[in-house]
C-alpha atoms as a PDB file:
ATOM      1  CA  MET A   1     162.854 140.211   1.659  1.00  0.00           C
ATOM      2  CA  ILE A   2     160.997 143.527   1.848  1.00  0.00           C
ATOM      3  CA  LYS A   3     161.783 145.984  -0.880  1.00  0.00           C
ATOM      4  CA  ALA A   4     160.489 149.351  -1.955  1.00  0.00           C
ATOM      5  CA  LEU A   5     158.046 149.453  -4.832  1.00  0.00           C
ATOM      6  CA  SER A   6     158.455 151.538  -7.896  1.00  0.00           C
ATOM      7  CA  PRO A   7     156.558 154.885  -7.751  1.00  0.00           C
ATOM      8  CA  THR A   8     154.679 153.794 -10.876  1.00  0.00           C
ATOM      9  CA  LEU A   9     151.379 152.234  -9.875  1.00  0.00           C
ATOM     10  CA  ASN A  10     150.568 149.339 -12.134  1.00  0.00           C
ATOM     11  CA  LEU A  11     147.098 147.907 -12.644  1.00  0.00           C
ATOM     12  CA  GLN A  12     147.822 144.815 -10.502  1.00  0.00           C
ATOM     13  CA  LEU A  13     148.824 146.926  -7.475  1.00  0.00           C
ATOM     14  CA  TYR A  14     145.860 149.206  -8.024  1.00  0.00           C
ATOM     15  CA  ASP A  15     143.490 146.194  -7.951  1.00  0.00           C
ATOM     16  CA  HIS A  16     145.234 144.766  -4.862  1.00  0.00           C
ATOM     17  CA  LEU A  17     144.860 147.984  -2.841  1.00  0.00           C
ATOM     18  CA  LEU A  18     141.164 148.395  -3.626  1.00  0.00           C
ATOM     19  CA  ARG A  19     140.441 144.978  -2.109  1.00  0.00           C
ATOM     20  CA  PHE A  20     141.215 146.461   1.296  1.00  0.00           C
ATOM     21  CA  GLN A  21     138.892 148.744   3.263  1.00  0.00           C
ATOM     22  CA  LEU A  22     141.664 151.165   4.055  1.00  0.00           C
ATOM     23  CA  PHE A  23     141.907 152.284   0.413  1.00  0.00           C
ATOM     24  CA  GLN A  24     138.287 151.945  -0.693  1.00  0.00           C
ATOM     25  CA  GLY A  25     136.749 155.155  -1.981  1.00  0.00           C
ATOM     26  CA  LEU A  26     140.006 156.485  -3.456  1.00  0.00           C
ATOM     27  CA  SER A  27     139.884 157.483  -7.096  1.00  0.00           C
ATOM     28  CA  ARG A  28     142.454 156.271  -9.565  1.00  0.00           C
ATOM     29  CA  ALA A  29     144.031 159.725  -9.556  1.00  0.00           C
ATOM     30  CA  GLU A  30     144.294 159.679  -5.732  1.00  0.00           C
ATOM     31  CA  LEU A  31     145.807 156.169  -5.831  1.00  0.00           C
ATOM     32  CA  LEU A  32     148.346 157.324  -8.369  1.00  0.00           C
ATOM     33  CA  GLN A  33     149.217 160.297  -6.214  1.00  0.00           C
ATOM     34  CA  MET A  34     149.503 158.133  -3.117  1.00  0.00           C
ATOM     35  CA  ALA A  35     151.633 155.455  -4.803  1.00  0.00           C
ATOM     36  CA  GLY A  36     153.993 158.015  -6.250  1.00  0.00           C
ATOM     37  CA  ASN A  37     154.769 159.347  -2.770  1.00  0.00           C
ATOM     38  CA  THR A  38     154.423 156.186  -0.610  1.00  0.00           C
ATOM     39  CA  LYS A  39     157.121 153.620   0.237  1.00  0.00           C
ATOM     40  CA  PHE A  40     155.218 150.395  -0.194  1.00  0.00           C
ATOM     41  CA  GLY A  41     156.927 147.096   0.448  1.00  0.00           C
ATOM     42  CA  PHE A  42     156.551 143.651  -1.117  1.00  0.00           C
ATOM     43  CA  LEU A  43     157.042 140.555   0.993  1.00  0.00           C
ATOM     44  CA  LYS A  44     156.879 136.965  -0.249  1.00  0.00           C
ATOM     45  CA  GLU A  45     156.984 133.997   2.155  1.00  0.00           C
ATOM     46  CA  THR A  46     156.996 130.267   1.610  1.00  0.00           C
ATOM     47  CA  THR A  47     154.767 127.791   3.446  1.00  0.00           C
ATOM     48  CA  GLY A  48     155.407 127.281   7.172  1.00  0.00           C
ATOM     49  CA  LYS A  49     157.126 130.586   7.911  1.00  0.00           C
ATOM     50  CA  VAL A  50     156.371 132.566  11.128  1.00  0.00           C
ATOM     51  CA  LEU A  51     155.426 136.059  10.013  1.00  0.00           C
ATOM     52  CA  VAL A  52     154.959 137.685  13.391  1.00  0.00           C
ATOM     53  CA  THR A  53     154.996 136.339  16.936  1.00  0.00           C
ATOM     54  CA  GLU A  54     152.512 137.070  19.725  1.00  0.00           C
ATOM     55  CA  GLY A  55     153.829 139.979  21.808  1.00  0.00           C
ATOM     56  CA  GLU A  56     156.055 141.281  19.054  1.00  0.00           C
ATOM     57  CA  PRO A  57     155.864 145.074  18.498  1.00  0.00           C
ATOM     58  CA  CYS A  58     153.607 146.067  15.609  1.00  0.00           C
ATOM     59  CA  GLN A  59     155.703 148.441  13.449  1.00  0.00           C
ATOM     60  CA  GLN A  60     153.973 148.062  10.120  1.00  0.00           C
ATOM     61  CA  LEU A  61     150.804 146.882   8.442  1.00  0.00           C
ATOM     62  CA  TYR A  62     150.747 143.568   6.547  1.00  0.00           C
ATOM     63  CA  PHE A  63     148.201 143.313   3.704  1.00  0.00           C
ATOM     64  CA  LEU A  64     147.818 139.677   2.655  1.00  0.00           C
ATOM     65  CA  VAL A  65     147.082 139.822  -1.080  1.00  0.00           C
ATOM     66  CA  SER A  66     147.367 136.128  -1.865  1.00  0.00           C
ATOM     67  CA  GLY A  67     147.751 132.896   0.041  1.00  0.00           C
ATOM     68  CA  ARG A  68     146.578 131.541   3.404  1.00  0.00           C
ATOM     69  CA  LEU A  69     147.626 132.219   7.007  1.00  0.00           C
ATOM     70  CA  SER A  70     147.038 130.533  10.350  1.00  0.00           C
ATOM     71  CA  LEU A  71     146.833 132.586  13.479  1.00  0.00           C
ATOM     72  CA  SER A  72     147.330 131.173  16.936  1.00  0.00           C
ATOM     73  CA  THR A  73     146.206 132.956  20.122  1.00  0.00           C
ATOM     74  CA  ARG A  74     146.977 131.758  23.649  1.00  0.00           C
ATOM     75  CA  SER A  75     145.309 132.465  26.961  1.00  0.00           C
ATOM     76  CA  ASN A  76     147.209 134.748  29.311  1.00  0.00           C
ATOM     77  CA  ASP A  77     148.494 131.835  31.354  1.00  0.00           C
ATOM     78  CA  GLY A  78     149.284 129.708  28.336  1.00  0.00           C
ATOM     79  CA  GLY A  79     146.705 127.114  29.389  1.00  0.00           C
ATOM     80  CA  TYR A  80     144.922 126.842  26.028  1.00  0.00           C
ATOM     81  CA  GLU A  81     145.393 128.016  22.419  1.00  0.00           C
ATOM     82  CA  MET A  82     143.050 128.631  19.475  1.00  0.00           C
ATOM     83  CA  THR A  83     144.306 128.321  15.872  1.00  0.00           C
ATOM     84  CA  GLU A  84     142.414 129.638  12.913  1.00  0.00           C
ATOM     85  CA  GLN A  85     142.837 129.934   9.139  1.00  0.00           C
ATOM     86  CA  LEU A  86     142.640 133.174   7.142  1.00  0.00           C
ATOM     87  CA  SER A  87     142.653 133.749   3.401  1.00  0.00           C
ATOM     88  CA  ALA A  88     143.470 136.785   1.278  1.00  0.00           C
ATOM     89  CA  PRO A  89     142.550 139.569   1.236  1.00  0.00           C
ATOM     90  CA  TRP A  90     143.312 140.134   4.935  1.00  0.00           C
ATOM     91  CA  LEU A  91     144.832 143.022   6.957  1.00  0.00           C
ATOM     92  CA  LEU A  92     146.686 141.806   9.995  1.00  0.00           C
ATOM     93  CA  GLN A  93     145.580 143.477  13.270  1.00  0.00           C
ATOM     94  CA  PRO A  94     145.354 147.184  12.339  1.00  0.00           C
ATOM     95  CA  ASP A  95     144.241 147.846  15.955  1.00  0.00           C
ATOM     96  CA  ALA A  96     147.719 146.733  17.143  1.00  0.00           C
ATOM     97  CA  LEU A  97     149.545 149.556  15.333  1.00  0.00           C
ATOM     98  CA  PHE A  98     148.765 152.216  17.969  1.00  0.00           C
ATOM     99  CA  GLY A  99     147.570 152.345  21.627  1.00  0.00           C
ATOM    100  CA  VAL A 100     149.032 151.632  25.014  1.00  0.00           C
ATOM    101  CA  GLN A 101     150.422 148.222  23.908  1.00  0.00           C
ATOM    102  CA  PRO A 102     151.077 148.328  20.160  1.00  0.00           C
ATOM    103  CA  ARG A 103     151.928 144.576  19.972  1.00  0.00           C
ATOM    104  CA  TYR A 104     150.465 141.610  18.075  1.00  0.00           C
ATOM    105  CA  GLY A 105     148.101 139.500  20.103  1.00  0.00           C
ATOM    106  CA  SER A 106     148.567 136.381  18.016  1.00  0.00           C
ATOM    107  CA  THR A 107     151.239 134.433  16.164  1.00  0.00           C
ATOM    108  CA  TYR A 108     150.830 134.276  12.377  1.00  0.00           C
ATOM    109  CA  ARG A 109     152.217 131.541  10.132  1.00  0.00           C
ATOM    110  CA  THR A 110     151.966 130.959   6.405  1.00  0.00           C
ATOM    111  CA  ASP A 111     149.810 127.937   5.422  1.00  0.00           C
ATOM    112  CA  SER A 112     150.775 128.381   1.754  1.00  0.00           C
ATOM    113  CA  ALA A 113     152.985 130.653  -0.305  1.00  0.00           C
ATOM    114  CA  CYS A 114     151.918 134.175   0.596  1.00  0.00           C
ATOM    115  CA  HIS A 115     152.400 137.614  -0.849  1.00  0.00           C
ATOM    116  CA  PHE A 116     152.050 140.785   1.165  1.00  0.00           C
ATOM    117  CA  ILE A 117     152.042 144.523   0.634  1.00  0.00           C
ATOM    118  CA  THR A 118     153.493 146.294   3.683  1.00  0.00           C
ATOM    119  CA  LEU A 119     153.368 149.829   5.016  1.00  0.00           C
ATOM    120  CA  SER A 120     155.577 151.079   7.841  1.00  0.00           C
ATOM    121  CA  LYS A 121     154.006 152.967  10.769  1.00  0.00           C
ATOM    122  CA  ASP A 122     155.547 156.235   9.543  1.00  0.00           C
ATOM    123  CA  GLU A 123     154.016 155.768   6.087  1.00  0.00           C
ATOM    124  CA  VAL A 124     150.626 154.972   7.642  1.00  0.00           C
ATOM    125  CA  LEU A 125     150.782 158.173   9.743  1.00  0.00           C
ATOM    126  CA  ARG A 126     151.658 160.226   6.642  1.00  0.00           C
ATOM    127  CA  LEU A 127     148.710 158.711   4.625  1.00  0.00           C
ATOM    128  CA  LEU A 128     146.344 159.336   7.531  1.00  0.00           C
ATOM    129  CA  ASN A 129     147.445 162.978   7.497  1.00  0.00           C
ATOM    130  CA  ASP A 130     147.370 163.416   3.697  1.00  0.00           C
ATOM    131  CA  PHE A 131     144.164 161.595   2.747  1.00  0.00           C
ATOM    132  CA  LEU A 132     140.829 162.212   4.481  1.00  0.00           C
ATOM    133  CA  ILE A 133     139.247 159.042   2.983  1.00  0.00           C
ATOM    134  CA  ILE A 134     142.081 156.898   4.360  1.00  0.00           C
ATOM    135  CA  ARG A 135     141.735 158.499   7.726  1.00  0.00           C
ATOM    136  CA  LEU A 136     137.992 157.851   7.784  1.00  0.00           C
ATOM    137  CA  ASN A 137     138.453 154.276   6.628  1.00  0.00           C
ATOM    138  CA  PHE A 138     140.987 153.611   9.341  1.00  0.00           C
ATOM    139  CA  LEU A 139     138.727 155.140  12.004  1.00  0.00           C
ATOM    140  CA  ASN A 140     135.848 153.008  10.710  1.00  0.00           C
ATOM    141  CA  MET A 141     137.937 149.853  10.973  1.00  0.00           C
ATOM    142  CA  LEU A 142     138.934 150.592  14.549  1.00  0.00           C
ATOM    143  CA  SER A 143     135.413 151.618  15.525  1.00  0.00           C
ATOM    144  CA  THR A 144     133.991 148.392  14.071  1.00  0.00           C
ATOM    145  CA  ILE A 145     136.495 146.307  16.130  1.00  0.00           C
ATOM    146  CA  VAL A 146     135.624 148.189  19.341  1.00  0.00           C
ATOM    147  CA  GLN A 147     131.839 148.009  18.725  1.00  0.00           C
ATOM    148  CA  ARG A 148     131.896 144.267  18.073  1.00  0.00           C
ATOM    149  CA  ARG A 149     133.873 143.649  21.220  1.00  0.00           C
ATOM    150  CA  THR A 150     131.581 145.888  23.255  1.00  0.00           C
ATOM    151  CA  ARG A 151     128.431 144.134  22.014  1.00  0.00           C
ATOM    152  CA  GLN A 152     129.806 140.764  23.159  1.00  0.00           C
ATOM    153  CA  GLN A 153     129.394 141.835  26.750  1.00  0.00           C
ATOM    154  CA  TRP A 154     125.674 142.344  26.353  1.00  0.00           C
ATOM    155  CA  ARG A 155     124.638 139.081  24.726  1.00  0.00           C
ATOM    156  CA  SER A 156     122.194 136.820  26.566  1.00  0.00           C
ATOM    157  CA  ALA A 157     123.952 134.151  28.620  1.00  0.00           C
ATOM    158  CA  PRO A 158     123.940 130.635  27.115  1.00  0.00           C
ATOM    159  CA  THR A 159     121.531 128.297  28.888  1.00  0.00           C
ATOM    160  CA  SER A 160     123.069 124.873  28.169  1.00  0.00           C
ATOM    161  CA  LEU A 161     126.499 123.297  28.293  1.00  0.00           C
ATOM    162  CA  ARG A 162     126.492 122.939  24.530  1.00  0.00           C
ATOM    163  CA  GLU A 163     125.697 126.635  24.096  1.00  0.00           C
ATOM    164  CA  ARG A 164     128.416 127.613  26.556  1.00  0.00           C
ATOM    165  CA  PHE A 165     130.989 125.610  24.576  1.00  0.00           C
ATOM    166  CA  VAL A 166     129.911 127.244  21.305  1.00  0.00           C
ATOM    167  CA  ARG A 167     130.079 130.690  22.987  1.00  0.00           C
ATOM    168  CA  PHE A 168     133.548 129.890  24.283  1.00  0.00           C
ATOM    169  CA  VAL A 169     134.793 128.961  20.800  1.00  0.00           C
ATOM    170  CA  LEU A 170     133.152 132.031  19.250  1.00  0.00           C
ATOM    171  CA  ASP A 171     134.553 134.429  21.862  1.00  0.00           C
ATOM    172  CA  HIS A 172     138.081 133.159  21.309  1.00  0.00           C
ATOM    173  CA  SER A 173     137.920 133.389  17.520  1.00  0.00           C
ATOM    174  CA  PHE A 174     139.150 136.321  15.424  1.00  0.00           C
ATOM    175  CA  TYR A 175     137.087 135.235  12.417  1.00  0.00           C
ATOM    176  CA  PRO A 176     133.578 133.837  13.113  1.00  0.00           C
ATOM    177  CA  ALA A 177     133.735 131.159  10.415  1.00  0.00           C
ATOM    178  CA  GLY A 178     135.881 128.355   9.041  1.00  0.00           C
ATOM    179  CA  PRO A 179     137.765 125.504  10.778  1.00  0.00           C
ATOM    180  CA  LYS A 180     139.224 126.044  14.289  1.00  0.00           C
ATOM    181  CA  GLN A 181     141.691 124.073  16.353  1.00  0.00           C
ATOM    182  CA  LEU A 182     141.441 124.327  20.115  1.00  0.00           C
ATOM    183  CA  ARG A 183     144.353 122.983  22.149  1.00  0.00           C
ATOM    184  CA  ILE A 184     143.086 122.512  25.689  1.00  0.00           C
ATOM    185  CA  LEU A 185     142.934 119.796  28.348  1.00  0.00           C
ATOM    186  CA  MET A 186     139.523 118.457  29.263  1.00  0.00           C
ATOM    187  CA  VAL A 187     140.000 119.511  32.921  1.00  0.00           C
ATOM    188  CA  ARG A 188     140.737 123.098  31.868  1.00  0.00           C
ATOM    189  CA  LEU A 189     137.836 123.235  29.448  1.00  0.00           C
ATOM    190  CA  ALA A 190     135.480 121.971  32.163  1.00  0.00           C
ATOM    191  CA  ALA A 191     136.691 124.736  34.506  1.00  0.00           C
ATOM    192  CA  GLU A 192     136.219 127.393  31.734  1.00  0.00           C
ATOM    193  CA  LEU A 193     132.713 126.145  31.050  1.00  0.00           C
ATOM    194  CA  GLY A 194     131.768 125.774  34.761  1.00  0.00           C
ATOM    195  CA  ASP A 195     130.760 122.133  34.517  1.00  0.00           C
ATOM    196  CA  SER A 196     132.129 118.672  35.332  1.00  0.00           C
ATOM    197  CA  ARG A 197     134.722 117.002  33.185  1.00  0.00           C
ATOM    198  CA  LEU A 198     132.407 114.046  32.618  1.00  0.00           C
ATOM    199  CA  ASP A 199     129.558 116.216  31.324  1.00  0.00           C
ATOM    200  CA  VAL A 200     131.915 118.208  29.050  1.00  0.00           C
ATOM    201  CA  SER A 201     133.303 114.906  27.686  1.00  0.00           C
ATOM    202  CA  ARG A 202     129.748 113.667  26.918  1.00  0.00           C
ATOM    203  CA  MET A 203     128.782 116.924  25.228  1.00  0.00           C
ATOM    204  CA  LEU A 204     131.888 116.883  23.050  1.00  0.00           C
ATOM    205  CA  ASN A 205     131.392 113.268  22.059  1.00  0.00           C
ATOM    206  CA  GLN A 206     127.824 114.091  21.044  1.00  0.00           C
ATOM    207  CA  LEU A 207     129.142 116.892  18.811  1.00  0.00           C
ATOM    208  CA  GLN A 208     131.659 114.510  17.375  1.00  0.00           C
ATOM    209  CA  SER A 209     128.916 111.996  16.577  1.00  0.00           C
ATOM    210  CA  GLU A 210     127.122 114.771  14.692  1.00  0.00           C
ATOM    211  CA  GLY A 211     130.233 115.401  12.562  1.00  0.00           C
ATOM    212  CA  LEU A 212     130.796 118.867  13.961  1.00  0.00           C
ATOM    213  CA  LEU A 213     134.217 118.316  15.474  1.00  0.00           C
ATOM    214  CA  GLN A 214     136.955 115.718  16.034  1.00  0.00           C
ATOM    215  CA  LEU A 215     138.458 114.899  19.392  1.00  0.00           C
ATOM    216  CA  HIS A 216     142.168 114.222  19.976  1.00  0.00           C
ATOM    217  CA  ARG A 217     144.329 114.080  23.068  1.00  0.00           C
ATOM    218  CA  GLY A 218     144.527 117.697  24.259  1.00  0.00           C
ATOM    219  CA  ARG A 219     143.032 118.994  21.013  1.00  0.00           C
ATOM    220  CA  ILE A 220     139.641 119.699  19.510  1.00  0.00           C
ATOM    221  CA  ASP A 221     139.356 120.150  15.729  1.00  0.00           C
ATOM    222  CA  ILE A 222     136.214 122.046  14.791  1.00  0.00           C
ATOM    223  CA  VAL A 223     135.246 121.313  11.206  1.00  0.00           C
ATOM    224  CA  SER A 224     133.386 124.565  10.575  1.00  0.00           C
ATOM    225  CA  LEU A 225     132.373 127.223  13.101  1.00  0.00           C
ATOM    226  CA  GLU A 226     129.339 128.087  10.926  1.00  0.00           C
ATOM    227  CA  ARG A 227     127.983 124.540  11.310  1.00  0.00           C
ATOM    228  CA  LEU A 228     128.722 124.536  15.036  1.00  0.00           C
ATOM    229  CA  LEU A 229     126.713 127.781  15.451  1.00  0.00           C
END
């Protein structure tokens, strides 16, 4: 259950907040001032709970301060899905709070017991208005997200089937590291990569023989995206 925090900012909360880019650069005095006038929330979830669902309106920010999450993102037609793992500290989709469609683009589940600090949209707006450093930090976060996505359009095209598969996985990942699980049929993957089903199967089996992934019916488990790259 979400509940309001005490206006008194203890050392533990202070340390938690400074782990997130949104609050970096604030002095202890500024954090004390902010905490005394801000309605923070605490949220604790057990393993296996759905935190937010893809398409759900984003009405608050979730700051993961401890634990692990998995996020699953589907293609527009539901034909395939990528699942990734995230660890604290992590701020869930700050770019979904505003804009034309302020909705989550992924489904988030707890992979362990998780603790969150939450901020409602109204509280975020007030902090952006009251603290220049928070406003700049938020703009920097959004600018970084936009710039990374813009640069993706100008990368050199992959020249081999293996490189096209790696690029496909990378382009459909929120976090460019760690294990990934891709749920997709071989026929669909071949169509996405612009090659034959047989050639795609051979390429994947070669990657499996190198210990880079594991093949299952309708599912590809990537051991580590860093190693695949």
